[in-house]
Amino acid sequence: RRTKQNRSALIRDALRQHLRRLEV
């Protein structure tokens, strides 16, 4: 709600960021 996106989009973004951190 704070970021004005739906739950799925939030989780997709969080997973992408997490996977990128793991790669780095």
PDB file of all heavy atoms in Angstrom:
ATOM      1  N   ARG A   1       0.835  -1.214   0.000  1.00  0.00           N
ATOM      2  CA  ARG A   1       0.000   0.000   0.000  1.00  0.00           C
ATOM      3  C   ARG A   1       0.866   1.259   0.000  1.00  0.00           C
ATOM      4  O   ARG A   1       0.588   2.209  -0.732  1.00  0.00           O
ATOM      5  CB  ARG A   1      -0.936   0.004   1.204  1.00  0.00           C
ATOM      6  CG  ARG A   1      -2.143  -0.898   1.038  1.00  0.00           C
ATOM      7  CD  ARG A   1      -3.199  -0.672   2.109  1.00  0.00           C
ATOM      8  NE  ARG A   1      -2.711  -0.903   3.458  1.00  0.00           N
ATOM      9  CZ  ARG A   1      -2.663  -2.091   4.060  1.00  0.00           C
ATOM     10  NH1 ARG A   1      -3.073  -3.168   3.424  1.00  0.00           N
ATOM     11  NH2 ARG A   1      -2.217  -2.209   5.291  1.00  0.00           N
ATOM     12  N   ARG A   2       1.916   1.259   0.839  1.00  0.00           N
ATOM     13  CA  ARG A   2       2.800   2.437   0.910  1.00  0.00           C
ATOM     14  C   ARG A   2       3.467   2.718  -0.426  1.00  0.00           C
ATOM     15  O   ARG A   2       3.673   3.868  -0.796  1.00  0.00           O
ATOM     16  CB  ARG A   2       3.885   2.227   1.971  1.00  0.00           C
ATOM     17  CG  ARG A   2       3.536   2.696   3.346  1.00  0.00           C
ATOM     18  CD  ARG A   2       4.739   2.821   4.266  1.00  0.00           C
ATOM     19  NE  ARG A   2       5.744   1.793   4.124  1.00  0.00           N
ATOM     20  CZ  ARG A   2       5.746   0.594   4.737  1.00  0.00           C
ATOM     21  NH1 ARG A   2       4.758   0.260   5.530  1.00  0.00           N
ATOM     22  NH2 ARG A   2       6.720  -0.260   4.551  1.00  0.00           N
ATOM     23  N   THR A   3       3.845   1.664  -1.125  1.00  0.00           N
ATOM     24  CA  THR A   3       4.552   1.838  -2.397  1.00  0.00           C
ATOM     25  C   THR A   3       3.609   1.857  -3.596  1.00  0.00           C
ATOM     26  O   THR A   3       4.060   1.900  -4.745  1.00  0.00           O
ATOM     27  CB  THR A   3       5.607   0.732  -2.579  1.00  0.00           C
ATOM     28  OG1 THR A   3       4.961  -0.547  -2.529  1.00  0.00           O
ATOM     29  CG2 THR A   3       6.689   0.812  -1.516  1.00  0.00           C
ATOM     30  N   LYS A   4       2.306   1.794  -3.299  1.00  0.00           N
ATOM     31  CA  LYS A   4       1.271   1.872  -4.347  1.00  0.00           C
ATOM     32  C   LYS A   4       1.461   0.794  -5.421  1.00  0.00           C
ATOM     33  O   LYS A   4       1.437   1.075  -6.625  1.00  0.00           O
ATOM     34  CB  LYS A   4       1.243   3.265  -4.973  1.00  0.00           C
ATOM     35  CG  LYS A   4       0.793   4.338  -4.002  1.00  0.00           C
ATOM     36  CD  LYS A   4       0.737   5.676  -4.683  1.00  0.00           C
ATOM     37  CE  LYS A   4       0.136   6.744  -3.830  1.00  0.00           C
ATOM     38  NZ  LYS A   4       0.693   7.046  -2.577  1.00  0.00           N
ATOM     39  N   GLN A   5       1.678  -0.426  -4.959  1.00  0.00           N
ATOM     40  CA  GLN A   5       1.735  -1.557  -5.875  1.00  0.00           C
ATOM     41  C   GLN A   5       0.996  -2.732  -5.246  1.00  0.00           C
ATOM     42  O   GLN A   5       0.704  -2.711  -4.055  1.00  0.00           O
ATOM     43  CB  GLN A   5       3.184  -1.929  -6.205  1.00  0.00           C
ATOM     44  CG  GLN A   5       4.064  -2.258  -5.018  1.00  0.00           C
ATOM     45  CD  GLN A   5       5.501  -2.477  -5.432  1.00  0.00           C
ATOM     46  OE1 GLN A   5       5.781  -2.786  -6.577  1.00  0.00           O
ATOM     47  NE2 GLN A   5       6.422  -2.293  -4.524  1.00  0.00           N
ATOM     48  N   ASN A   6       0.689  -3.724  -6.043  1.00  0.00           N
ATOM     49  CA  ASN A   6      -0.017  -4.857  -5.459  1.00  0.00           C
ATOM     50  C   ASN A   6       0.976  -5.804  -4.779  1.00  0.00           C
ATOM     51  O   ASN A   6       2.190  -5.673  -4.930  1.00  0.00           O
ATOM     52  CB  ASN A   6      -0.893  -5.577  -6.488  1.00  0.00           C
ATOM     53  CG  ASN A   6      -0.097  -6.189  -7.608  1.00  0.00           C
ATOM     54  OD1 ASN A   6       0.986  -6.735  -7.417  1.00  0.00           O
ATOM     55  ND2 ASN A   6      -0.644  -6.114  -8.810  1.00  0.00           N
ATOM     56  N   ARG A   7       0.445  -6.736  -4.030  1.00  0.00           N
ATOM     57  CA  ARG A   7       1.274  -7.663  -3.252  1.00  0.00           C
ATOM     58  C   ARG A   7       2.225  -8.458  -4.161  1.00  0.00           C
ATOM     59  O   ARG A   7       3.398  -8.630  -3.847  1.00  0.00           O
ATOM     60  CB  ARG A   7       0.362  -8.613  -2.486  1.00  0.00           C
ATOM     61  CG  ARG A   7       1.106  -9.556  -1.585  1.00  0.00           C
ATOM     62  CD  ARG A   7       0.186 -10.635  -1.038  1.00  0.00           C
ATOM     63  NE  ARG A   7      -0.867 -10.096  -0.209  1.00  0.00           N
ATOM     64  CZ  ARG A   7      -2.003 -10.725   0.030  1.00  0.00           C
ATOM     65  NH1 ARG A   7      -2.254 -11.898  -0.510  1.00  0.00           N
ATOM     66  NH2 ARG A   7      -2.916 -10.173   0.815  1.00  0.00           N
ATOM     67  N   SER A   8       1.716  -8.923  -5.285  1.00  0.00           N
ATOM     68  CA  SER A   8       2.546  -9.715  -6.199  1.00  0.00           C
ATOM     69  C   SER A   8       3.736  -8.912  -6.709  1.00  0.00           C
ATOM     70  O   SER A   8       4.859  -9.409  -6.773  1.00  0.00           O
ATOM     71  CB  SER A   8       1.714 -10.223  -7.379  1.00  0.00           C
ATOM     72  OG  SER A   8       0.764 -11.163  -6.937  1.00  0.00           O
ATOM     73  N   ALA A   9       3.492  -7.664  -7.090  1.00  0.00           N
ATOM     74  CA  ALA A   9       4.578  -6.813  -7.586  1.00  0.00           C
ATOM     75  C   ALA A   9       5.614  -6.577  -6.490  1.00  0.00           C
ATOM     76  O   ALA A   9       6.818  -6.610  -6.745  1.00  0.00           O
ATOM     77  CB  ALA A   9       4.024  -5.488  -8.095  1.00  0.00           C
ATOM     78  N   LEU A  10       5.138  -6.335  -5.274  1.00  0.00           N
ATOM     79  CA  LEU A  10       6.057  -6.128  -4.148  1.00  0.00           C
ATOM     80  C   LEU A  10       6.937  -7.359  -3.943  1.00  0.00           C
ATOM     81  O   LEU A  10       8.161  -7.249  -3.809  1.00  0.00           O
ATOM     82  CB  LEU A  10       5.273  -5.833  -2.871  1.00  0.00           C
ATOM     83  CG  LEU A  10       6.140  -5.678  -1.626  1.00  0.00           C
ATOM     84  CD1 LEU A  10       6.629  -4.247  -1.524  1.00  0.00           C
ATOM     85  CD2 LEU A  10       5.388  -6.083  -0.389  1.00  0.00           C
ATOM     86  N   ILE A  11       6.333  -8.538  -3.960  1.00  0.00           N
ATOM     87  CA  ILE A  11       7.088  -9.768  -3.732  1.00  0.00           C
ATOM     88  C   ILE A  11       8.044 -10.038  -4.892  1.00  0.00           C
ATOM     89  O   ILE A  11       9.196 -10.442  -4.679  1.00  0.00           O
ATOM     90  CB  ILE A  11       6.127 -10.944  -3.477  1.00  0.00           C
ATOM     91  CG1 ILE A  11       5.414 -10.718  -2.133  1.00  0.00           C
ATOM     92  CG2 ILE A  11       6.854 -12.282  -3.496  1.00  0.00           C
ATOM     93  CD1 ILE A  11       4.280 -11.667  -1.852  1.00  0.00           C
ATOM     94  N   ARG A  12       7.623  -9.784  -6.122  1.00  0.00           N
ATOM     95  CA  ARG A  12       8.526  -9.949  -7.276  1.00  0.00           C
ATOM     96  C   ARG A  12       9.745  -9.044  -7.141  1.00  0.00           C
ATOM     97  O   ARG A  12      10.884  -9.475  -7.335  1.00  0.00           O
ATOM     98  CB  ARG A  12       7.794  -9.637  -8.586  1.00  0.00           C
ATOM     99  CG  ARG A  12       6.951 -10.765  -9.115  1.00  0.00           C
ATOM    100  CD  ARG A  12       6.521 -10.511 -10.558  1.00  0.00           C
ATOM    101  NE  ARG A  12       5.801  -9.256 -10.726  1.00  0.00           N
ATOM    102  CZ  ARG A  12       4.479  -9.139 -10.579  1.00  0.00           C
ATOM    103  NH1 ARG A  12       3.741 -10.187 -10.248  1.00  0.00           N
ATOM    104  NH2 ARG A  12       3.893  -7.976 -10.763  1.00  0.00           N
ATOM    105  N   ASP A  13       9.499  -7.762  -6.795  1.00  0.00           N
ATOM    106  CA  ASP A  13      10.610  -6.810  -6.640  1.00  0.00           C
ATOM    107  C   ASP A  13      11.549  -7.242  -5.518  1.00  0.00           C
ATOM    108  O   ASP A  13      12.772  -7.195  -5.667  1.00  0.00           O
ATOM    109  CB  ASP A  13      10.086  -5.402  -6.356  1.00  0.00           C
ATOM    110  CG  ASP A  13       9.442  -4.758  -7.562  1.00  0.00           C
ATOM    111  OD1 ASP A  13       9.603  -5.287  -8.689  1.00  0.00           O
ATOM    112  OD2 ASP A  13       8.756  -3.730  -7.381  1.00  0.00           O
ATOM    113  N   ALA A  14      10.975  -7.674  -4.400  1.00  0.00           N
ATOM    114  CA  ALA A  14      11.793  -8.099  -3.262  1.00  0.00           C
ATOM    115  C   ALA A  14      12.632  -9.322  -3.626  1.00  0.00           C
ATOM    116  O   ALA A  14      13.819  -9.407  -3.280  1.00  0.00           O
ATOM    117  CB  ALA A  14      10.903  -8.407  -2.057  1.00  0.00           C
ATOM    118  N   LEU A  15      12.046 -10.264  -4.348  1.00  0.00           N
ATOM    119  CA  LEU A  15      12.784 -11.459  -4.749  1.00  0.00           C
ATOM    120  C   LEU A  15      13.893 -11.114  -5.733  1.00  0.00           C
ATOM    121  O   LEU A  15      15.014 -11.623  -5.623  1.00  0.00           O
ATOM    122  CB  LEU A  15      11.815 -12.487  -5.344  1.00  0.00           C
ATOM    123  CG  LEU A  15      12.425 -13.827  -5.746  1.00  0.00           C
ATOM    124  CD1 LEU A  15      13.150 -14.483  -4.576  1.00  0.00           C
ATOM    125  CD2 LEU A  15      11.344 -14.739  -6.290  1.00  0.00           C
ATOM    126  N   ARG A  16      13.616 -10.219  -6.691  1.00  0.00           N
ATOM    127  CA  ARG A  16      14.666  -9.787  -7.632  1.00  0.00           C
ATOM    128  C   ARG A  16      15.843  -9.157  -6.883  1.00  0.00           C
ATOM    129  O   ARG A  16      17.001  -9.437  -7.167  1.00  0.00           O
ATOM    130  CB  ARG A  16      14.099  -8.775  -8.624  1.00  0.00           C
ATOM    131  CG  ARG A  16      13.356  -9.379  -9.759  1.00  0.00           C
ATOM    132  CD  ARG A  16      13.012  -8.314 -10.819  1.00  0.00           C
ATOM    133  NE  ARG A  16      11.938  -8.808 -11.638  1.00  0.00           N
ATOM    134  CZ  ARG A  16      10.652  -8.437 -11.548  1.00  0.00           C
ATOM    135  NH1 ARG A  16      10.293  -7.506 -10.681  1.00  0.00           N
ATOM    136  NH2 ARG A  16       9.743  -8.955 -12.330  1.00  0.00           N
ATOM    137  N   GLN A  17      15.530  -8.268  -5.940  1.00  0.00           N
ATOM    138  CA  GLN A  17      16.586  -7.609  -5.163  1.00  0.00           C
ATOM    139  C   GLN A  17      17.381  -8.625  -4.348  1.00  0.00           C
ATOM    140  O   GLN A  17      18.609  -8.553  -4.288  1.00  0.00           O
ATOM    141  CB  GLN A  17      15.988  -6.554  -4.241  1.00  0.00           C
ATOM    142  CG  GLN A  17      15.467  -5.341  -4.961  1.00  0.00           C
ATOM    143  CD  GLN A  17      14.782  -4.370  -4.015  1.00  0.00           C
ATOM    144  OE1 GLN A  17      14.969  -4.407  -2.809  1.00  0.00           O
ATOM    145  NE2 GLN A  17      13.964  -3.486  -4.577  1.00  0.00           N
ATOM    146  N   HIS A  18      16.694  -9.554  -3.743  1.00  0.00           N
ATOM    147  CA  HIS A  18      17.370 -10.567  -2.940  1.00  0.00           C
ATOM    148  C   HIS A  18      18.286 -11.432  -3.811  1.00  0.00           C
ATOM    149  O   HIS A  18      19.438 -11.685  -3.448  1.00  0.00           O
ATOM    150  CB  HIS A  18      16.351 -11.439  -2.210  1.00  0.00           C
ATOM    151  CG  HIS A  18      16.980 -12.501  -1.374  1.00  0.00           C
ATOM    152  ND1 HIS A  18      17.703 -12.221  -0.231  1.00  0.00           N
ATOM    153  CD2 HIS A  18      17.038 -13.848  -1.533  1.00  0.00           C
ATOM    154  CE1 HIS A  18      18.160 -13.339   0.289  1.00  0.00           C
ATOM    155  NE2 HIS A  18      17.771 -14.345  -0.487  1.00  0.00           N
ATOM    156  N   LEU A  19      17.794 -11.860  -4.967  1.00  0.00           N
ATOM    157  CA  LEU A  19      18.612 -12.677  -5.867  1.00  0.00           C
ATOM    158  C   LEU A  19      19.825 -11.901  -6.357  1.00  0.00           C
ATOM    159  O   LEU A  19      20.923 -12.457  -6.485  1.00  0.00           O
ATOM    160  CB  LEU A  19      17.767 -13.179  -7.037  1.00  0.00           C
ATOM    161  CG  LEU A  19      16.667 -14.178  -6.673  1.00  0.00           C
ATOM    162  CD1 LEU A  19      15.784 -14.470  -7.889  1.00  0.00           C
ATOM    163  CD2 LEU A  19      17.254 -15.449  -6.088  1.00  0.00           C
ATOM    164  N   ARG A  20      19.659 -10.621  -6.630  1.00  0.00           N
ATOM    165  CA  ARG A  20      20.791  -9.785  -7.060  1.00  0.00           C
ATOM    166  C   ARG A  20      21.825  -9.678  -5.944  1.00  0.00           C
ATOM    167  O   ARG A  20      23.026  -9.771  -6.182  1.00  0.00           O
ATOM    168  CB  ARG A  20      20.297  -8.404  -7.486  1.00  0.00           C
ATOM    169  CG  ARG A  20      21.394  -7.470  -7.918  1.00  0.00           C
ATOM    170  CD  ARG A  20      22.096  -7.970  -9.159  1.00  0.00           C
ATOM    171  NE  ARG A  20      23.206  -7.092  -9.472  1.00  0.00           N
ATOM    172  CZ  ARG A  20      24.389  -7.491  -9.891  1.00  0.00           C
ATOM    173  NH1 ARG A  20      24.620  -8.763 -10.112  1.00  0.00           N
ATOM    174  NH2 ARG A  20      25.349  -6.634 -10.123  1.00  0.00           N
ATOM    175  N   ARG A  21      21.362  -9.485  -4.684  1.00  0.00           N
ATOM    176  CA  ARG A  21      22.299  -9.422  -3.550  1.00  0.00           C
ATOM    177  C   ARG A  21      23.060 -10.729  -3.397  1.00  0.00           C
ATOM    178  O   ARG A  21      24.259 -10.725  -3.116  1.00  0.00           O
ATOM    179  CB  ARG A  21      21.561  -9.071  -2.263  1.00  0.00           C
ATOM    180  CG  ARG A  21      21.255  -7.591  -2.108  1.00  0.00           C
ATOM    181  CD  ARG A  21      20.808  -7.234  -0.700  1.00  0.00           C
ATOM    182  NE  ARG A  21      19.654  -7.989  -0.259  1.00  0.00           N
ATOM    183  CZ  ARG A  21      18.389  -7.630  -0.431  1.00  0.00           C
ATOM    184  NH1 ARG A  21      18.100  -6.497  -1.045  1.00  0.00           N
ATOM    185  NH2 ARG A  21      17.400  -8.378   0.012  1.00  0.00           N
ATOM    186  N   LEU A  22      22.366 -11.851  -3.578  1.00  0.00           N
ATOM    187  CA  LEU A  22      23.038 -13.146  -3.495  1.00  0.00           C
ATOM    188  C   LEU A  22      24.110 -13.280  -4.581  1.00  0.00           C
ATOM    189  O   LEU A  22      25.211 -13.778  -4.338  1.00  0.00           O
ATOM    190  CB  LEU A  22      22.033 -14.295  -3.632  1.00  0.00           C
ATOM    191  CG  LEU A  22      21.080 -14.518  -2.468  1.00  0.00           C
ATOM    192  CD1 LEU A  22      20.094 -15.633  -2.816  1.00  0.00           C
ATOM    193  CD2 LEU A  22      21.838 -14.844  -1.194  1.00  0.00           C
ATOM    194  N   GLU A  23      23.789 -12.809  -5.780  1.00  0.00           N
ATOM    195  CA  GLU A  23      24.746 -12.861  -6.894  1.00  0.00           C
ATOM    196  C   GLU A  23      25.976 -12.003  -6.594  1.00  0.00           C
ATOM    197  O   GLU A  23      27.108 -12.438  -6.789  1.00  0.00           O
ATOM    198  CB  GLU A  23      24.058 -12.377  -8.171  1.00  0.00           C
ATOM    199  CG  GLU A  23      24.937 -12.410  -9.397  1.00  0.00           C
ATOM    200  CD  GLU A  23      24.217 -11.857 -10.624  1.00  0.00           C
ATOM    201  OE1 GLU A  23      22.985 -11.732 -10.611  1.00  0.00           O
ATOM    202  OE2 GLU A  23      24.918 -11.551 -11.599  1.00  0.00           O
ATOM    203  N   VAL A  24      25.746 -10.795  -6.093  1.00  0.00           N
ATOM    204  CA  VAL A  24      26.861  -9.902  -5.760  1.00  0.00           C
ATOM    205  C   VAL A  24      27.713 -10.514  -4.654  1.00  0.00           C
ATOM    206  O   VAL A  24      28.943 -10.499  -4.721  1.00  0.00           O
ATOM    207  CB  VAL A  24      26.339  -8.500  -5.344  1.00  0.00           C
ATOM    208  CG1 VAL A  24      27.423  -7.661  -4.704  1.00  0.00           C
ATOM    209  CG2 VAL A  24      25.749  -7.789  -6.561  1.00  0.00           C
TER     210      VAL A  24
END
